[in-house]
Amino acid sequence: MTPIVSIIMGSTSDLPVLKKAADYLESMEVPFEMNALSAHRTPAEVEAFATGARSRGIKVIIAAAGMAAALPGVIAAQTTVPVIGVPINSSLDGMDALLSIVQMPPGIPVATMGVNGAMNAAVMAVEILALSDEALAERLDAYKKGLAGKIVKANEELAKIEGYKYKV
């Protein structure tokens, strides 16, 4: 099996956040890989990864980093594979990472999710892939319909809550 999505984290301390992306890709039957790379500590490895991603069959990259959060932008600067950035809340409530990832110069886009938004990054990756994969599109449709079902069920449970004098 060849991975088509690559999940890259700046440090393995980001794994608890990125596990949500991995779990979603697994549930959608999308082959993926996971690696730790640092734009500052392993720049040569980041360059080799980014420049070789497309030739290895990678179609979408999810790149997460905290603090200075250069990793998604550095990868995007060296590949034409779509990069989805996930700012990690490691300091300043993740705002430093969010601003670092979202403020890319013209021509070097990074689709940026919310702070710790690995799940949405994985859903976005699947949406991109589903454009050319009908079976995956059907699984994505079923997932999205399931989201609505969760809210219907939640409202049924909320209707059963008692003990409030003014709850109608």
C-alpha atoms as a PDB file:
ATOM      1  CA  MET A   1       0.000   0.000   0.000  1.00  0.00           C
ATOM      2  CA  THR A   2       1.359   3.415  -0.959  1.00  0.00           C
ATOM      3  CA  PRO A   3       0.463   6.435   1.185  1.00  0.00           C
ATOM      4  CA  ILE A   4      -1.386   9.262  -0.539  1.00  0.00           C
ATOM      5  CA  VAL A   5      -1.616  11.552   2.504  1.00  0.00           C
ATOM      6  CA  SER A   6       1.357  12.506   4.588  1.00  0.00           C
ATOM      7  CA  ILE A   7       0.909  13.709   8.168  1.00  0.00           C
ATOM      8  CA  ILE A   8       3.980  15.670   9.221  1.00  0.00           C
ATOM      9  CA  MET A   9       4.449  16.990  12.731  1.00  0.00           C
ATOM     10  CA  GLY A  10       7.143  19.267  14.062  1.00  0.00           C
ATOM     11  CA  SER A  11       7.602  17.039  17.105  1.00  0.00           C
ATOM     12  CA  THR A  12       6.104  13.836  18.458  1.00  0.00           C
ATOM     13  CA  SER A  13       4.607  15.973  21.227  1.00  0.00           C
ATOM     14  CA  ASP A  14       2.078  16.970  18.514  1.00  0.00           C
ATOM     15  CA  LEU A  15       0.895  13.363  18.132  1.00  0.00           C
ATOM     16  CA  PRO A  16      -2.088  13.614  20.529  1.00  0.00           C
ATOM     17  CA  VAL A  17      -3.555  16.320  18.275  1.00  0.00           C
ATOM     18  CA  LEU A  18      -2.675  14.572  14.998  1.00  0.00           C
ATOM     19  CA  LYS A  19      -4.037  11.230  16.152  1.00  0.00           C
ATOM     20  CA  LYS A  20      -7.496  12.586  15.295  1.00  0.00           C
ATOM     21  CA  ALA A  21      -6.400  13.059  11.684  1.00  0.00           C
ATOM     22  CA  ALA A  22      -4.865   9.595  11.552  1.00  0.00           C
ATOM     23  CA  ASP A  23      -7.986   8.016  13.045  1.00  0.00           C
ATOM     24  CA  TYR A  24     -10.226   9.759  10.504  1.00  0.00           C
ATOM     25  CA  LEU A  25      -8.045   8.796   7.535  1.00  0.00           C
ATOM     26  CA  GLU A  26      -8.025   5.217   8.814  1.00  0.00           C
ATOM     27  CA  SER A  27     -11.826   5.200   9.081  1.00  0.00           C
ATOM     28  CA  MET A  28     -12.084   6.521   5.517  1.00  0.00           C
ATOM     29  CA  GLU A  29      -9.661   3.856   4.235  1.00  0.00           C
ATOM     30  CA  VAL A  30      -7.119   6.413   3.014  1.00  0.00           C
ATOM     31  CA  PRO A  31      -3.486   5.201   3.034  1.00  0.00           C
ATOM     32  CA  PHE A  32      -1.298   7.624   4.970  1.00  0.00           C
ATOM     33  CA  GLU A  33       2.101   7.998   6.572  1.00  0.00           C
ATOM     34  CA  MET A  34       3.203   9.884   9.684  1.00  0.00           C
ATOM     35  CA  ASN A  35       6.591  11.477  10.289  1.00  0.00           C
ATOM     36  CA  ALA A  36       8.216  14.072  12.508  1.00  0.00           C
ATOM     37  CA  LEU A  37      10.243  16.738  10.710  1.00  0.00           C
ATOM     38  CA  SER A  38      11.434  20.101  11.943  1.00  0.00           C
ATOM     39  CA  ALA A  39      11.890  23.117   9.700  1.00  0.00           C
ATOM     40  CA  HIS A  40      14.521  24.396  12.136  1.00  0.00           C
ATOM     41  CA  ARG A  41      16.223  21.229  13.422  1.00  0.00           C
ATOM     42  CA  THR A  42      16.114  19.036  10.283  1.00  0.00           C
ATOM     43  CA  PRO A  43      15.893  21.443   7.332  1.00  0.00           C
ATOM     44  CA  ALA A  44      17.647  19.105   4.878  1.00  0.00           C
ATOM     45  CA  GLU A  45      15.190  16.297   5.688  1.00  0.00           C
ATOM     46  CA  VAL A  46      12.238  18.688   5.245  1.00  0.00           C
ATOM     47  CA  GLU A  47      13.578  19.707   1.840  1.00  0.00           C
ATOM     48  CA  ALA A  48      14.059  16.075   0.773  1.00  0.00           C
ATOM     49  CA  PHE A  49      10.545  15.206   1.938  1.00  0.00           C
ATOM     50  CA  ALA A  50       8.885  18.180   0.228  1.00  0.00           C
ATOM     51  CA  THR A  51      10.709  17.893  -3.090  1.00  0.00           C
ATOM     52  CA  GLY A  52      10.084  14.136  -3.255  1.00  0.00           C
ATOM     53  CA  ALA A  53       6.469  14.028  -2.042  1.00  0.00           C
ATOM     54  CA  ARG A  54       4.740  14.132  -5.432  1.00  0.00           C
ATOM     55  CA  SER A  55       7.043  11.524  -7.005  1.00  0.00           C
ATOM     56  CA  ARG A  56       6.304   9.179  -4.075  1.00  0.00           C
ATOM     57  CA  GLY A  57       2.552   9.455  -4.776  1.00  0.00           C
ATOM     58  CA  ILE A  58       1.624  11.862  -1.966  1.00  0.00           C
ATOM     59  CA  LYS A  59      -1.471  13.842  -2.994  1.00  0.00           C
ATOM     60  CA  VAL A  60      -2.098  15.902   0.161  1.00  0.00           C
ATOM     61  CA  ILE A  61       0.176  16.908   3.047  1.00  0.00           C
ATOM     62  CA  ILE A  62      -1.097  17.720   6.527  1.00  0.00           C
ATOM     63  CA  ALA A  63       1.658  19.639   8.305  1.00  0.00           C
ATOM     64  CA  ALA A  64       1.370  20.656  11.940  1.00  0.00           C
ATOM     65  CA  ALA A  65       3.620  22.800  14.089  1.00  0.00           C
ATOM     66  CA  GLY A  66       3.518  25.047  17.117  1.00  0.00           C
ATOM     67  CA  MET A  67       5.190  28.278  18.166  1.00  0.00           C
ATOM     68  CA  ALA A  68       7.115  29.676  15.134  1.00  0.00           C
ATOM     69  CA  ALA A  69       5.286  27.020  13.043  1.00  0.00           C
ATOM     70  CA  ALA A  70       7.417  27.369   9.927  1.00  0.00           C
ATOM     71  CA  LEU A  71       7.010  23.724   8.887  1.00  0.00           C
ATOM     72  CA  PRO A  72       3.826  23.951   6.748  1.00  0.00           C
ATOM     73  CA  GLY A  73       5.100  27.000   4.849  1.00  0.00           C
ATOM     74  CA  VAL A  74       8.572  25.586   4.302  1.00  0.00           C
ATOM     75  CA  ILE A  75       7.026  22.413   2.887  1.00  0.00           C
ATOM     76  CA  ALA A  76       4.595  24.394   0.698  1.00  0.00           C
ATOM     77  CA  ALA A  77       7.490  26.456  -0.672  1.00  0.00           C
ATOM     78  CA  GLN A  78       9.142  23.299  -2.007  1.00  0.00           C
ATOM     79  CA  THR A  79       6.245  21.279  -3.459  1.00  0.00           C
ATOM     80  CA  THR A  80       3.130  21.656  -5.570  1.00  0.00           C
ATOM     81  CA  VAL A  81       1.285  19.069  -3.455  1.00  0.00           C
ATOM     82  CA  PRO A  82      -1.514  20.794  -1.481  1.00  0.00           C
ATOM     83  CA  VAL A  83      -0.460  21.526   2.101  1.00  0.00           C
ATOM     84  CA  ILE A  84      -2.970  21.782   4.934  1.00  0.00           C
ATOM     85  CA  GLY A  85      -1.512  23.502   7.993  1.00  0.00           C
ATOM     86  CA  VAL A  86      -2.513  22.701  11.560  1.00  0.00           C
ATOM     87  CA  PRO A  87      -1.364  25.235  14.159  1.00  0.00           C
ATOM     88  CA  ILE A  88      -0.598  23.522  17.461  1.00  0.00           C
ATOM     89  CA  ASN A  89      -1.407  25.158  20.781  1.00  0.00           C
ATOM     90  CA  SER A  90       2.016  24.974  22.399  1.00  0.00           C
ATOM     91  CA  SER A  91       2.280  28.624  23.478  1.00  0.00           C
ATOM     92  CA  LEU A  92       0.217  31.824  23.336  1.00  0.00           C
ATOM     93  CA  ASP A  93      -2.965  29.728  22.981  1.00  0.00           C
ATOM     94  CA  GLY A  94      -1.712  28.688  19.537  1.00  0.00           C
ATOM     95  CA  MET A  95      -2.117  32.187  18.112  1.00  0.00           C
ATOM     96  CA  ASP A  96       1.599  32.429  17.279  1.00  0.00           C
ATOM     97  CA  ALA A  97       1.388  29.206  15.263  1.00  0.00           C
ATOM     98  CA  LEU A  98      -1.900  30.199  13.627  1.00  0.00           C
ATOM     99  CA  LEU A  99      -0.541  33.538  12.414  1.00  0.00           C
ATOM    100  CA  SER A 100       2.714  31.961  11.246  1.00  0.00           C
ATOM    101  CA  ILE A 101       0.877  29.400   9.120  1.00  0.00           C
ATOM    102  CA  VAL A 102      -1.930  31.573   7.763  1.00  0.00           C
ATOM    103  CA  GLN A 103       0.242  34.557   6.722  1.00  0.00           C
ATOM    104  CA  MET A 104       1.914  33.023   3.673  1.00  0.00           C
ATOM    105  CA  PRO A 105       3.262  35.124   0.809  1.00  0.00           C
ATOM    106  CA  PRO A 106       1.498  35.121  -2.566  1.00  0.00           C
ATOM    107  CA  GLY A 107       2.142  31.951  -4.535  1.00  0.00           C
ATOM    108  CA  ILE A 108       2.895  29.775  -1.497  1.00  0.00           C
ATOM    109  CA  PRO A 109      -0.557  28.820  -0.151  1.00  0.00           C
ATOM    110  CA  VAL A 110      -1.180  26.752   2.951  1.00  0.00           C
ATOM    111  CA  ALA A 111      -4.804  25.852   3.681  1.00  0.00           C
ATOM    112  CA  THR A 112      -4.878  26.633   7.387  1.00  0.00           C
ATOM    113  CA  MET A 113      -7.165  24.981   9.911  1.00  0.00           C
ATOM    114  CA  GLY A 114      -8.025  26.272  13.363  1.00  0.00           C
ATOM    115  CA  VAL A 115      -5.717  25.729  16.327  1.00  0.00           C
ATOM    116  CA  ASN A 116      -5.392  21.963  16.974  1.00  0.00           C
ATOM    117  CA  GLY A 117      -7.734  21.388  14.002  1.00  0.00           C
ATOM    118  CA  ALA A 118      -6.231  18.085  12.851  1.00  0.00           C
ATOM    119  CA  MET A 119      -9.627  16.477  12.382  1.00  0.00           C
ATOM    120  CA  ASN A 120     -10.730  19.206   9.963  1.00  0.00           C
ATOM    121  CA  ALA A 121      -7.383  18.889   8.166  1.00  0.00           C
ATOM    122  CA  ALA A 122      -8.087  15.206   7.567  1.00  0.00           C
ATOM    123  CA  VAL A 123     -11.642  15.922   6.388  1.00  0.00           C
ATOM    124  CA  MET A 124     -10.272  18.581   4.005  1.00  0.00           C
ATOM    125  CA  ALA A 125      -7.693  16.096   2.699  1.00  0.00           C
ATOM    126  CA  VAL A 126     -10.452  13.565   2.039  1.00  0.00           C
ATOM    127  CA  GLU A 127     -12.566  16.211   0.302  1.00  0.00           C
ATOM    128  CA  ILE A 128      -9.644  16.958  -2.024  1.00  0.00           C
ATOM    129  CA  LEU A 129      -9.011  13.279  -2.722  1.00  0.00           C
ATOM    130  CA  ALA A 130     -12.710  12.522  -3.210  1.00  0.00           C
ATOM    131  CA  LEU A 131     -12.788  14.813  -6.248  1.00  0.00           C
ATOM    132  CA  SER A 132     -11.131  12.029  -8.230  1.00  0.00           C
ATOM    133  CA  ASP A 133     -12.171   8.930  -6.232  1.00  0.00           C
ATOM    134  CA  GLU A 134     -15.863   8.025  -6.410  1.00  0.00           C
ATOM    135  CA  ALA A 135     -15.698   5.319  -3.714  1.00  0.00           C
ATOM    136  CA  LEU A 136     -14.056   7.761  -1.321  1.00  0.00           C
ATOM    137  CA  ALA A 137     -16.655  10.398  -2.248  1.00  0.00           C
ATOM    138  CA  GLU A 138     -19.388   7.956  -1.212  1.00  0.00           C
ATOM    139  CA  ARG A 139     -17.690   7.307   2.147  1.00  0.00           C
ATOM    140  CA  LEU A 140     -17.324  11.064   2.640  1.00  0.00           C
ATOM    141  CA  ASP A 141     -21.026  11.602   1.864  1.00  0.00           C
ATOM    142  CA  ALA A 142     -21.957   8.933   4.425  1.00  0.00           C
ATOM    143  CA  TYR A 143     -19.699  10.574   7.026  1.00  0.00           C
ATOM    144  CA  LYS A 144     -21.267  13.998   6.426  1.00  0.00           C
ATOM    145  CA  LYS A 145     -24.787  12.559   6.692  1.00  0.00           C
ATOM    146  CA  GLY A 146     -23.740  10.904   9.943  1.00  0.00           C
ATOM    147  CA  LEU A 147     -22.817  14.315  11.368  1.00  0.00           C
ATOM    148  CA  ALA A 148     -26.415  15.469  10.980  1.00  0.00           C
ATOM    149  CA  GLY A 149     -27.622  12.302  12.688  1.00  0.00           C
ATOM    150  CA  LYS A 150     -25.458  13.080  15.708  1.00  0.00           C
ATOM    151  CA  ILE A 151     -27.177  16.451  16.155  1.00  0.00           C
ATOM    152  CA  VAL A 152     -30.653  14.918  15.812  1.00  0.00           C
ATOM    153  CA  LYS A 153     -29.737  12.375  18.502  1.00  0.00           C
ATOM    154  CA  ALA A 154     -28.263  15.100  20.729  1.00  0.00           C
ATOM    155  CA  ASN A 155     -31.503  17.082  20.534  1.00  0.00           C
ATOM    156  CA  GLU A 156     -33.516  13.979  21.448  1.00  0.00           C
ATOM    157  CA  GLU A 157     -31.306  13.553  24.529  1.00  0.00           C
ATOM    158  CA  LEU A 158     -31.575  17.240  25.437  1.00  0.00           C
ATOM    159  CA  ALA A 159     -35.373  17.027  25.277  1.00  0.00           C
ATOM    160  CA  LYS A 160     -35.287  14.327  27.984  1.00  0.00           C
ATOM    161  CA  ILE A 161     -33.356  16.450  30.489  1.00  0.00           C
ATOM    162  CA  GLU A 162     -35.521  17.341  33.457  1.00  0.00           C
ATOM    163  CA  GLY A 163     -35.137  19.297  36.639  1.00  0.00           C
ATOM    164  CA  TYR A 164     -35.319  22.826  35.255  1.00  0.00           C
ATOM    165  CA  LYS A 165     -38.305  24.904  36.274  1.00  0.00           C
ATOM    166  CA  TYR A 166     -38.256  27.119  33.179  1.00  0.00           C
ATOM    167  CA  LYS A 167     -37.122  24.614  30.541  1.00  0.00           C
ATOM    168  CA  VAL A 168     -39.898  24.283  27.995  1.00  0.00           C
END
